[in-house]
PDB file of all heavy atoms in Angstrom:
ATOM      1  N   PRO A   1      94.745 112.630  90.595  1.00  0.00           N
ATOM      2  CA  PRO A   1      94.190 113.511  89.560  1.00  0.00           C
ATOM      3  C   PRO A   1      92.856 112.944  89.052  1.00  0.00           C
ATOM      4  O   PRO A   1      92.551 111.777  89.295  1.00  0.00           O
ATOM      5  CB  PRO A   1      95.251 113.490  88.467  1.00  0.00           C
ATOM      6  CG  PRO A   1      95.948 112.198  88.658  1.00  0.00           C
ATOM      7  CD  PRO A   1      95.909 111.913  90.110  1.00  0.00           C
ATOM      8  N   PRO A   2      92.069 113.751  88.392  1.00  0.00           N
ATOM      9  CA  PRO A   2      90.822 113.224  87.796  1.00  0.00           C
ATOM     10  C   PRO A   2      91.129 112.095  86.831  1.00  0.00           C
ATOM     11  O   PRO A   2      92.214 112.034  86.248  1.00  0.00           O
ATOM     12  CB  PRO A   2      90.251 114.436  87.076  1.00  0.00           C
ATOM     13  CG  PRO A   2      90.868 115.633  87.701  1.00  0.00           C
ATOM     14  CD  PRO A   2      92.237 115.206  88.167  1.00  0.00           C
ATOM     15  N   GLN A   3      90.208 111.212  86.646  1.00  0.00           N
ATOM     16  CA  GLN A   3      90.383 110.061  85.776  1.00  0.00           C
ATOM     17  C   GLN A   3      90.741 110.476  84.368  1.00  0.00           C
ATOM     18  O   GLN A   3      90.182 111.434  83.837  1.00  0.00           O
ATOM     19  CB  GLN A   3      89.118 109.233  85.771  1.00  0.00           C
ATOM     20  CG  GLN A   3      89.299 107.860  85.161  1.00  0.00           C
ATOM     21  CD  GLN A   3      88.063 106.982  85.316  1.00  0.00           C
ATOM     22  OE1 GLN A   3      87.002 107.449  85.712  1.00  0.00           O
ATOM     23  NE2 GLN A   3      88.205 105.703  85.038  1.00  0.00           N
ATOM     24  N   PHE A   4      91.677 109.757  83.773  1.00  0.00           N
ATOM     25  CA  PHE A   4      92.173 109.964  82.385  1.00  0.00           C
ATOM     26  C   PHE A   4      92.927 111.289  82.217  1.00  0.00           C
ATOM     27  O   PHE A   4      92.999 111.828  81.118  1.00  0.00           O
ATOM     28  CB  PHE A   4      91.032 109.911  81.381  1.00  0.00           C
ATOM     29  CG  PHE A   4      90.217 108.619  81.470  1.00  0.00           C
ATOM     30  CD1 PHE A   4      88.887 108.661  81.793  1.00  0.00           C
ATOM     31  CD2 PHE A   4      90.828 107.399  81.227  1.00  0.00           C
ATOM     32  CE1 PHE A   4      88.135 107.478  81.920  1.00  0.00           C
ATOM     33  CE2 PHE A   4      90.112 106.227  81.321  1.00  0.00           C
ATOM     34  CZ  PHE A   4      88.748 106.281  81.658  1.00  0.00           C
ATOM     35  N   THR A   5      93.485 111.823  83.306  1.00  0.00           N
ATOM     36  CA  THR A   5      94.295 113.045  83.204  1.00  0.00           C
ATOM     37  C   THR A   5      95.628 112.797  83.930  1.00  0.00           C
ATOM     38  O   THR A   5      95.741 111.903  84.759  1.00  0.00           O
ATOM     39  CB  THR A   5      93.610 114.280  83.829  1.00  0.00           C
ATOM     40  OG1 THR A   5      93.447 114.028  85.217  1.00  0.00           O
ATOM     41  CG2 THR A   5      92.307 114.562  83.180  1.00  0.00           C
ATOM     42  N   PHE A   6      96.635 113.589  83.555  1.00  0.00           N
ATOM     43  CA  PHE A   6      97.890 113.532  84.228  1.00  0.00           C
ATOM     44  C   PHE A   6      97.896 114.478  85.411  1.00  0.00           C
ATOM     45  O   PHE A   6      97.232 115.507  85.380  1.00  0.00           O
ATOM     46  CB  PHE A   6      99.058 113.914  83.288  1.00  0.00           C
ATOM     47  CG  PHE A   6      99.270 112.926  82.176  1.00  0.00           C
ATOM     48  CD1 PHE A   6      98.926 113.239  80.864  1.00  0.00           C
ATOM     49  CD2 PHE A   6      99.836 111.696  82.428  1.00  0.00           C
ATOM     50  CE1 PHE A   6      99.128 112.361  79.835  1.00  0.00           C
ATOM     51  CE2 PHE A   6     100.037 110.772  81.420  1.00  0.00           C
ATOM     52  CZ  PHE A   6      99.667 111.095  80.112  1.00  0.00           C
ATOM     53  N   GLY A   7      98.652 114.156  86.450  1.00  0.00           N
ATOM     54  CA  GLY A   7      98.808 115.053  87.592  1.00  0.00           C
ATOM     55  C   GLY A   7      99.807 116.151  87.293  1.00  0.00           C
ATOM     56  O   GLY A   7     100.477 116.179  86.275  1.00  0.00           O
ATOM     57  N   ASN A   8      99.947 117.075  88.226  1.00  0.00           N
ATOM     58  CA  ASN A   8     100.866 118.206  88.038  1.00  0.00           C
ATOM     59  C   ASN A   8     102.196 118.039  88.766  1.00  0.00           C
ATOM     60  O   ASN A   8     102.993 118.986  88.803  1.00  0.00           O
ATOM     61  CB  ASN A   8     100.179 119.547  88.499  1.00  0.00           C
ATOM     62  CG  ASN A   8      99.878 119.539  89.985  1.00  0.00           C
ATOM     63  OD1 ASN A   8     100.140 118.593  90.707  1.00  0.00           O
ATOM     64  ND2 ASN A   8      99.335 120.646  90.449  1.00  0.00           N
ATOM     65  N   ALA A   9     102.439 116.884  89.362  1.00  0.00           N
ATOM     66  CA  ALA A   9     103.666 116.651  90.114  1.00  0.00           C
ATOM     67  C   ALA A   9     104.862 116.415  89.183  1.00  0.00           C
ATOM     68  O   ALA A   9     104.770 115.704  88.197  1.00  0.00           O
ATOM     69  CB  ALA A   9     103.508 115.444  91.054  1.00  0.00           C
ATOM     70  N   ASN A  10     105.981 117.008  89.557  1.00  0.00           N
ATOM     71  CA  ASN A  10     107.231 116.750  88.859  1.00  0.00           C
ATOM     72  C   ASN A  10     107.885 115.497  89.424  1.00  0.00           C
ATOM     73  O   ASN A  10     107.445 114.971  90.444  1.00  0.00           O
ATOM     74  CB  ASN A  10     108.207 117.939  89.027  1.00  0.00           C
ATOM     75  CG  ASN A  10     107.686 119.176  88.358  1.00  0.00           C
ATOM     76  OD1 ASN A  10     107.039 119.083  87.294  1.00  0.00           O
ATOM     77  ND2 ASN A  10     108.002 120.337  88.919  1.00  0.00           N
ATOM     78  N   ARG A  11     108.963 115.078  88.799  1.00  0.00           N
ATOM     79  CA  ARG A  11     109.744 113.961  89.374  1.00  0.00           C
ATOM     80  C   ARG A  11     110.510 114.469  90.575  1.00  0.00           C
ATOM     81  O   ARG A  11     110.869 115.613  90.664  1.00  0.00           O
ATOM     82  CB  ARG A  11     110.751 113.474  88.327  1.00  0.00           C
ATOM     83  CG  ARG A  11     110.100 112.756  87.182  1.00  0.00           C
ATOM     84  CD  ARG A  11     111.121 112.238  86.220  1.00  0.00           C
ATOM     85  NE  ARG A  11     112.117 111.421  86.939  1.00  0.00           N
ATOM     86  CZ  ARG A  11     113.286 111.079  86.431  1.00  0.00           C
ATOM     87  NH1 ARG A  11     113.640 111.494  85.259  1.00  0.00           N
ATOM     88  NH2 ARG A  11     114.110 110.315  87.128  1.00  0.00           N
ATOM     89  N   SER A  12     110.753 113.560  91.507  1.00  0.00           N
ATOM     90  CA  SER A  12     111.617 113.833  92.657  1.00  0.00           C
ATOM     91  C   SER A  12     111.175 115.043  93.482  1.00  0.00           C
ATOM     92  O   SER A  12     111.940 115.897  93.825  1.00  0.00           O
ATOM     93  CB  SER A  12     113.073 114.053  92.188  1.00  0.00           C
ATOM     94  OG  SER A  12     113.497 112.952  91.416  1.00  0.00           O
ATOM     95  N   ILE A  13     109.900 115.066  93.828  1.00  0.00           N
ATOM     96  CA  ILE A  13     109.397 116.171  94.660  1.00  0.00           C
ATOM     97  C   ILE A  13     109.627 115.919  96.155  1.00  0.00           C
ATOM     98  O   ILE A  13     109.474 116.845  96.952  1.00  0.00           O
ATOM     99  CB  ILE A  13     107.904 116.427  94.425  1.00  0.00           C
ATOM    100  CG1 ILE A  13     107.053 115.206  94.766  1.00  0.00           C
ATOM    101  CG2 ILE A  13     107.633 116.904  92.982  1.00  0.00           C
ATOM    102  CD1 ILE A  13     105.554 115.443  94.731  1.00  0.00           C
ATOM    103  N   LEU A  14     110.022 114.705  96.517  1.00  0.00           N
ATOM    104  CA  LEU A  14     110.263 114.371  97.915  1.00  0.00           C
ATOM    105  C   LEU A  14     111.764 114.135  98.154  1.00  0.00           C
ATOM    106  O   LEU A  14     112.470 113.642  97.287  1.00  0.00           O
ATOM    107  CB  LEU A  14     109.517 113.076  98.296  1.00  0.00           C
ATOM    108  CG  LEU A  14     107.998 113.185  98.265  1.00  0.00           C
ATOM    109  CD1 LEU A  14     107.379 111.829  98.460  1.00  0.00           C
ATOM    110  CD2 LEU A  14     107.506 114.164  99.292  1.00  0.00           C
ATOM    111  N   THR A  15     112.198 114.477  99.359  1.00  0.00           N
ATOM    112  CA  THR A  15     113.534 114.206  99.787  1.00  0.00           C
ATOM    113  C   THR A  15     113.509 113.094 100.807  1.00  0.00           C
ATOM    114  O   THR A  15     112.839 113.179 101.846  1.00  0.00           O
ATOM    115  CB  THR A  15     114.169 115.453 100.427  1.00  0.00           C
ATOM    116  OG1 THR A  15     114.119 116.533  99.484  1.00  0.00           O
ATOM    117  CG2 THR A  15     115.595 115.209 100.863  1.00  0.00           C
ATOM    118  N   GLY A  16     114.194 112.001 100.524  1.00  0.00           N
ATOM    119  CA  GLY A  16     114.196 110.831 101.383  1.00  0.00           C
ATOM    120  C   GLY A  16     115.165 110.991 102.572  1.00  0.00           C
ATOM    121  O   GLY A  16     115.881 111.971 102.659  1.00  0.00           O
ATOM    122  N   PRO A  17     115.184 109.995 103.441  1.00  0.00           N
ATOM    123  CA  PRO A  17     116.116 110.050 104.565  1.00  0.00           C
ATOM    124  C   PRO A  17     117.551 109.919 104.083  1.00  0.00           C
ATOM    125  O   PRO A  17     117.848 109.301 103.084  1.00  0.00           O
ATOM    126  CB  PRO A  17     115.714 108.831 105.414  1.00  0.00           C
ATOM    127  CG  PRO A  17     114.873 107.971 104.539  1.00  0.00           C
ATOM    128  CD  PRO A  17     114.322 108.823 103.450  1.00  0.00           C
ATOM    129  N   GLY A  18     118.441 110.572 104.794  1.00  0.00           N
ATOM    130  CA  GLY A  18     119.842 110.567 104.405  1.00  0.00           C
ATOM    131  C   GLY A  18     120.554 109.283 104.806  1.00  0.00           C
ATOM    132  O   GLY A  18     119.939 108.335 105.324  1.00  0.00           O
ATOM    133  N   LEU A  19     121.811 109.221 104.535  1.00  0.00           N
ATOM    134  CA  LEU A  19     122.640 108.066 104.842  1.00  0.00           C
ATOM    135  C   LEU A  19     123.837 108.519 105.641  1.00  0.00           C
ATOM    136  O   LEU A  19     124.531 109.467 105.255  1.00  0.00           O
ATOM    137  CB  LEU A  19     123.106 107.414 103.526  1.00  0.00           C
ATOM    138  CG  LEU A  19     124.039 106.225 103.658  1.00  0.00           C
ATOM    139  CD1 LEU A  19     123.290 105.036 104.252  1.00  0.00           C
ATOM    140  CD2 LEU A  19     124.624 105.854 102.316  1.00  0.00           C
ATOM    141  N   ALA A  20     124.031 107.901 106.797  1.00  0.00           N
ATOM    142  CA  ALA A  20     125.207 108.184 107.627  1.00  0.00           C
ATOM    143  C   ALA A  20     125.854 106.855 107.936  1.00  0.00           C
ATOM    144  O   ALA A  20     125.254 105.981 108.605  1.00  0.00           O
ATOM    145  CB  ALA A  20     124.783 108.882 108.927  1.00  0.00           C
ATOM    146  N   ASN A  21     127.059 106.665 107.426  1.00  0.00           N
ATOM    147  CA  ASN A  21     127.710 105.365 107.536  1.00  0.00           C
ATOM    148  C   ASN A  21     129.188 105.561 107.814  1.00  0.00           C
ATOM    149  O   ASN A  21     129.850 106.331 107.138  1.00  0.00           O
ATOM    150  CB  ASN A  21     127.497 104.583 106.279  1.00  0.00           C
ATOM    151  CG  ASN A  21     127.774 103.111 106.412  1.00  0.00           C
ATOM    152  OD1 ASN A  21     127.865 102.607 107.517  1.00  0.00           O
ATOM    153  ND2 ASN A  21     127.907 102.415 105.303  1.00  0.00           N
ATOM    154  N   VAL A  22     129.719 104.824 108.811  1.00  0.00           N
ATOM    155  CA  VAL A  22     131.147 104.847 109.137  1.00  0.00           C
ATOM    156  C   VAL A  22     131.631 103.399 109.109  1.00  0.00           C
ATOM    157  O   VAL A  22     131.122 102.566 109.877  1.00  0.00           O
ATOM    158  CB  VAL A  22     131.436 105.498 110.503  1.00  0.00           C
ATOM    159  CG1 VAL A  22     132.917 105.392 110.851  1.00  0.00           C
ATOM    160  CG2 VAL A  22     130.956 106.934 110.512  1.00  0.00           C
ATOM    161  N   ASN A  23     132.573 103.086 108.239  1.00  0.00           N
ATOM    162  CA  ASN A  23     133.189 101.785 108.174  1.00  0.00           C
ATOM    163  C   ASN A  23     134.590 101.893 108.732  1.00  0.00           C
ATOM    164  O   ASN A  23     135.327 102.827 108.421  1.00  0.00           O
ATOM    165  CB  ASN A  23     133.223 101.246 106.754  1.00  0.00           C
ATOM    166  CG  ASN A  23     131.846 101.047 106.158  1.00  0.00           C
ATOM    167  OD1 ASN A  23     130.879 100.789 106.893  1.00  0.00           O
ATOM    168  ND2 ASN A  23     131.729 101.177 104.880  1.00  0.00           N
ATOM    169  N   LEU A  24     135.012 100.904 109.539  1.00  0.00           N
ATOM    170  CA  LEU A  24     136.325 100.917 110.132  1.00  0.00           C
ATOM    171  C   LEU A  24     137.068  99.623 109.819  1.00  0.00           C
ATOM    172  O   LEU A  24     136.418  98.583 109.682  1.00  0.00           O
ATOM    173  CB  LEU A  24     136.260 101.060 111.648  1.00  0.00           C
ATOM    174  CG  LEU A  24     135.686 102.369 112.211  1.00  0.00           C
ATOM    175  CD1 LEU A  24     135.578 102.280 113.733  1.00  0.00           C
ATOM    176  CD2 LEU A  24     136.556 103.521 111.807  1.00  0.00           C
TER     177      LEU A  24
END
């Protein structure tokens, strides 16, 4: 964003990689 201003992005706009786990 321009200097001394806030951006327009919300929190959590990205989705990260998932988790696939099998314990035996």
